């Protein structure tokens, strides 16, 4: 996923990876593609309370026009993103959130969304993710675990109709989801288990197959 992230965000942003004791070549690959890597000393496990604490702190002091605090499988998308951002006066953007699907894992050498174009429009709190904001106007985002809900402090004003989307590259072939969820199910922290965070990683193949078979998809990009 890292090359796709860098081809997208590297077009317009200073890209910083927040890394915690990874055991693969994440650091070397991200650095070689032009990203900065900030290391956090933390256990090799999925702990949403720790992750959201890092997200709530990592951007403090930024002088950027906009900050986007996203997960590694999330792409902030608009066909003319930089110009669109320049027209928004609000301090927090509420983009529409889409889970993206593909029958095969993408292999394009271009942008991932050139190949993965179909997905869903989620409902409820899952329909948005307030992770795009002006750091000069916001003192604290106070995201809750998962970052779909926040309690921001500062000069808070929301934009809901920007046309900006978050493409969550979540279902990139059944085989990839099988393997990804299986690995993550063995990394779930006691904190996550106690709070029922990340329960999807324990889905069996039948549930994943049903999602691929029954989910109604629309063209998102």
Protein backbone atom coordinates (compact mmCIF):
# COMPACT_ATOMS: atom_id res chain seq x y z
CA UNK A 1 0.00 0.00 0.00
CA UNK A 2 2.90 2.39 0.65
CA UNK A 3 3.75 3.09 -3.02
CA UNK A 4 0.09 3.90 -3.69
CA UNK A 5 -0.01 6.23 -0.69
CA UNK A 6 3.11 8.06 -1.80
CA UNK A 7 1.97 8.41 -5.42
CA UNK A 8 -1.25 9.99 -4.16
CA UNK A 9 -0.31 12.11 -1.14
CA UNK A 10 3.19 12.87 -2.40
CA UNK A 11 1.65 14.97 -5.17
CA UNK A 12 0.58 17.72 -2.78
CA UNK A 13 1.62 17.01 0.81
CA UNK A 14 4.45 16.52 3.21
CA UNK A 15 3.96 12.85 4.08
CA UNK A 16 4.81 11.55 7.54
CA UNK A 17 4.44 7.88 8.47
CA UNK A 18 3.81 7.13 12.13
CA UNK A 19 5.57 3.83 12.74
CA UNK A 20 5.74 1.61 15.80
CA UNK A 21 8.36 -1.16 15.83
CA UNK A 22 7.43 -2.56 12.43
CA UNK A 23 9.18 -5.81 11.52
CA UNK A 24 8.97 -5.50 7.73
CA UNK A 25 10.58 -2.97 5.41
CA UNK A 26 8.03 -0.19 6.02
CA UNK A 27 10.64 2.34 7.14
CA UNK A 28 13.04 1.70 4.27
CA UNK A 29 10.32 1.68 1.62
CA UNK A 30 8.55 4.81 2.88
CA UNK A 31 11.83 6.69 3.19
CA UNK A 32 12.99 5.65 -0.27
CA UNK A 33 9.76 7.07 -1.73
CA UNK A 34 10.20 10.45 -0.05
CA UNK A 35 8.27 10.12 3.20
CA UNK A 36 9.40 11.07 6.66
CA UNK A 37 9.08 8.37 9.32
CA UNK A 38 8.34 9.19 12.95
CA UNK A 39 9.03 6.28 15.24
CA UNK A 40 6.87 5.45 18.25
CA UNK A 41 8.00 2.82 20.72
CA UNK A 42 4.94 0.66 21.22
CA UNK A 43 4.00 -3.02 21.27
CA UNK A 44 3.39 -4.90 18.04
CA UNK A 45 -0.35 -5.09 18.61
CA UNK A 46 -3.56 -3.35 17.62
CA UNK A 47 -4.50 -0.97 20.40
CA UNK A 48 -7.02 1.63 19.25
CA UNK A 49 -6.72 3.70 22.41
CA UNK A 50 -2.96 4.04 21.92
CA UNK A 51 -3.32 4.70 18.20
CA UNK A 52 -5.88 7.48 18.73
CA UNK A 53 -3.68 9.06 21.39
CA UNK A 54 -0.84 9.26 18.86
CA UNK A 55 -3.19 10.68 16.21
CA UNK A 56 -4.43 13.33 18.62
CA UNK A 57 -0.87 14.45 19.39
CA UNK A 58 1.19 13.96 16.23
CA UNK A 59 0.03 17.09 14.39
CA UNK A 60 0.27 19.58 17.26
CA UNK A 61 2.41 22.56 16.32
CA UNK A 62 1.89 22.07 12.58
CA UNK A 63 1.91 25.21 10.43
CA UNK A 64 0.39 23.50 7.40
CA UNK A 65 -2.66 24.94 5.65
CA UNK A 66 -4.44 21.62 6.16
CA UNK A 67 -3.63 18.44 8.04
CA UNK A 68 -4.95 14.99 7.10
CA UNK A 69 -4.51 12.28 9.72
CA UNK A 70 -5.40 9.08 7.90
CA UNK A 71 -4.83 5.35 8.17
CA UNK A 72 -2.58 3.62 5.66
CA UNK A 73 -5.52 2.35 3.60
CA UNK A 74 -7.36 5.69 3.37
CA UNK A 75 -7.07 8.06 0.40
CA UNK A 76 -8.48 11.61 0.58
CA UNK A 77 -9.83 12.13 -2.93
CA UNK A 78 -11.24 14.88 -5.12
CA UNK A 79 -10.53 15.30 -8.86
CA UNK A 80 -9.09 18.77 -8.15
CA UNK A 81 -8.21 18.38 -4.48
CA UNK A 82 -5.69 21.17 -3.91
CA UNK A 83 -7.82 23.81 -5.61
CA UNK A 84 -10.92 22.58 -3.81
CA UNK A 85 -9.19 22.88 -0.44
CA UNK A 86 -8.18 26.45 -1.26
CA UNK A 87 -11.85 27.44 -1.57
CA UNK A 88 -13.01 26.09 1.81
CA UNK A 89 -13.22 28.56 4.68
CA UNK A 90 -14.38 26.10 7.35
CA UNK A 91 -11.84 24.68 9.79
CA UNK A 92 -12.93 21.03 9.60
CA UNK A 93 -14.01 19.10 6.51
CA UNK A 94 -16.47 16.23 6.83
CA UNK A 95 -15.78 14.11 3.74
CA UNK A 96 -17.99 11.25 2.62
CA UNK A 97 -16.52 7.89 3.59
CA UNK A 98 -16.51 4.95 1.20
CA UNK A 99 -15.43 1.34 1.67
CA UNK A 100 -13.86 0.37 -1.65
CA UNK A 101 -14.05 -3.10 -3.24
CA UNK A 102 -12.03 -4.99 -5.83
CA UNK A 103 -12.19 -8.59 -7.00
CA UNK A 104 -8.40 -8.64 -7.35
CA UNK A 105 -5.67 -6.78 -5.53
CA UNK A 106 -4.70 -3.74 -7.62
CA UNK A 107 -1.55 -3.94 -9.72
CA UNK A 108 -1.60 -0.56 -11.47
CA UNK A 109 1.56 1.52 -11.57
CA UNK A 110 -0.62 4.62 -11.41
CA UNK A 111 -3.09 5.71 -8.76
CA UNK A 112 -4.91 2.98 -6.88
CA UNK A 113 -8.27 4.63 -7.57
CA UNK A 114 -7.63 4.39 -11.31
CA UNK A 115 -8.21 0.66 -10.80
CA UNK A 116 -10.44 0.48 -7.71
CA UNK A 117 -13.50 2.58 -8.54
CA UNK A 118 -16.47 0.89 -6.85
CA UNK A 119 -17.56 0.95 -3.25
CA UNK A 120 -20.29 1.79 -0.77
CA UNK A 121 -21.69 4.83 0.96
CA UNK A 122 -21.76 3.92 4.63
CA UNK A 123 -24.48 5.14 6.96
CA UNK A 124 -24.51 6.63 10.43
CA UNK A 125 -21.23 7.73 11.99
CA UNK A 126 -19.40 5.51 9.50
CA UNK A 127 -20.48 7.78 6.67
CA UNK A 128 -17.82 10.34 7.55
CA UNK A 129 -14.43 10.69 9.20
CA UNK A 130 -13.43 14.20 10.34
CA UNK A 131 -9.69 13.89 9.72
CA UNK A 132 -9.11 16.97 7.50
CA UNK A 133 -8.71 20.24 9.37
CA UNK A 134 -6.81 23.53 9.69
CA UNK A 135 -4.26 23.20 12.50
CA UNK A 136 -4.03 26.98 12.88
CA UNK A 137 -7.66 27.11 13.99
CA UNK A 138 -8.05 23.84 15.88
CA UNK A 139 -6.37 23.33 19.24
CA UNK A 140 -7.39 19.70 19.71
CA UNK A 141 -9.35 17.19 17.63
CA UNK A 142 -10.06 14.75 20.47
CA UNK A 143 -10.83 11.84 18.17
CA UNK A 144 -12.45 8.81 19.72
CA UNK A 145 -11.05 5.34 18.89
CA UNK A 146 -11.53 4.72 15.18
CA UNK A 147 -11.49 8.49 14.46
CA UNK A 148 -15.04 8.52 13.06
CA UNK A 149 -16.13 10.67 16.00
CA UNK A 150 -14.32 13.73 17.40
CA UNK A 151 -14.87 16.46 19.98
CA UNK A 152 -12.75 19.29 18.54
CA UNK A 153 -11.73 22.41 20.41
CA UNK A 154 -10.93 25.78 18.82
CA UNK A 155 -12.48 27.82 16.06
CA UNK A 156 -14.70 24.93 15.01
CA UNK A 157 -16.71 25.22 11.80
CA UNK A 158 -17.68 22.29 9.60
CA UNK A 159 -17.91 21.83 5.85
CA UNK A 160 -20.19 18.97 4.81
CA UNK A 161 -20.59 19.61 1.10
CA UNK A 162 -17.06 19.82 -0.24
CA UNK A 163 -17.32 16.82 -2.56
CA UNK A 164 -14.12 15.48 -0.97
CA UNK A 165 -14.17 11.75 -0.29
CA UNK A 166 -12.22 9.26 1.76
CA UNK A 167 -11.61 6.09 -0.22
CA UNK A 168 -11.07 3.33 2.34
CA UNK A 169 -9.31 0.56 0.42
CA UNK A 170 -10.78 -2.10 2.67
CA UNK A 171 -11.87 -5.02 0.49
CA UNK A 172 -9.10 -5.54 -2.06
CA UNK A 173 -9.90 -9.15 -3.04
CA UNK A 174 -11.23 -11.89 -0.79
CA UNK A 175 -7.85 -13.56 -0.46
CA UNK A 176 -6.21 -10.35 0.69
CA UNK A 177 -8.95 -9.73 3.27
CA UNK A 178 -8.68 -13.33 4.54
CA UNK A 179 -4.95 -12.92 5.14
CA UNK A 180 -5.12 -9.33 6.42
CA UNK A 181 -7.84 -10.07 8.96
CA UNK A 182 -6.22 -13.32 10.08
CA UNK A 183 -2.92 -11.55 10.81
CA UNK A 184 -4.65 -8.72 12.65
CA UNK A 185 -6.74 -11.11 14.73
CA UNK A 186 -3.47 -12.32 16.28
CA UNK A 187 -2.39 -8.75 17.08
CA UNK A 188 -5.49 -7.59 18.94
CA UNK A 189 -4.60 -6.04 22.29
CA UNK A 190 -6.35 -6.82 25.57
CA UNK A 191 -7.64 -3.25 25.55
CA UNK A 192 -9.30 -3.77 22.17
CA UNK A 193 -10.82 -7.06 23.27
CA UNK A 194 -12.21 -5.48 26.43
CA UNK A 195 -13.80 -2.63 24.44
CA UNK A 196 -14.85 -4.71 21.44
CA UNK A 197 -12.62 -2.76 19.05
CA UNK A 198 -11.54 -4.58 15.89
CA UNK A 199 -14.06 -7.39 16.13
CA UNK A 200 -14.18 -7.58 12.33
CA UNK A 201 -10.78 -9.23 12.34
CA UNK A 202 -12.37 -12.36 13.76
CA UNK A 203 -14.82 -12.73 10.87
CA UNK A 204 -14.59 -16.14 9.21
CA UNK A 205 -14.39 -16.67 5.46
CA UNK A 206 -18.15 -17.15 5.15
CA UNK A 207 -18.86 -13.68 6.51
CA UNK A 208 -16.24 -12.11 4.23
CA UNK A 209 -17.60 -14.04 1.24
CA UNK A 210 -21.12 -12.83 2.04
CA UNK A 211 -19.94 -9.21 2.14
CA UNK A 212 -18.34 -9.56 -1.30
CA UNK A 213 -21.39 -11.35 -2.72
CA UNK A 214 -24.20 -9.25 -1.24
CA UNK A 215 -22.85 -5.72 -0.91
CA UNK A 216 -24.42 -3.35 -3.41
CA UNK A 217 -21.65 -1.31 -5.00
CA UNK A 218 -21.81 2.01 -6.79
CA UNK A 219 -19.17 3.84 -8.81
CA UNK A 220 -17.39 6.18 -6.41
CA UNK A 221 -14.53 7.47 -8.58
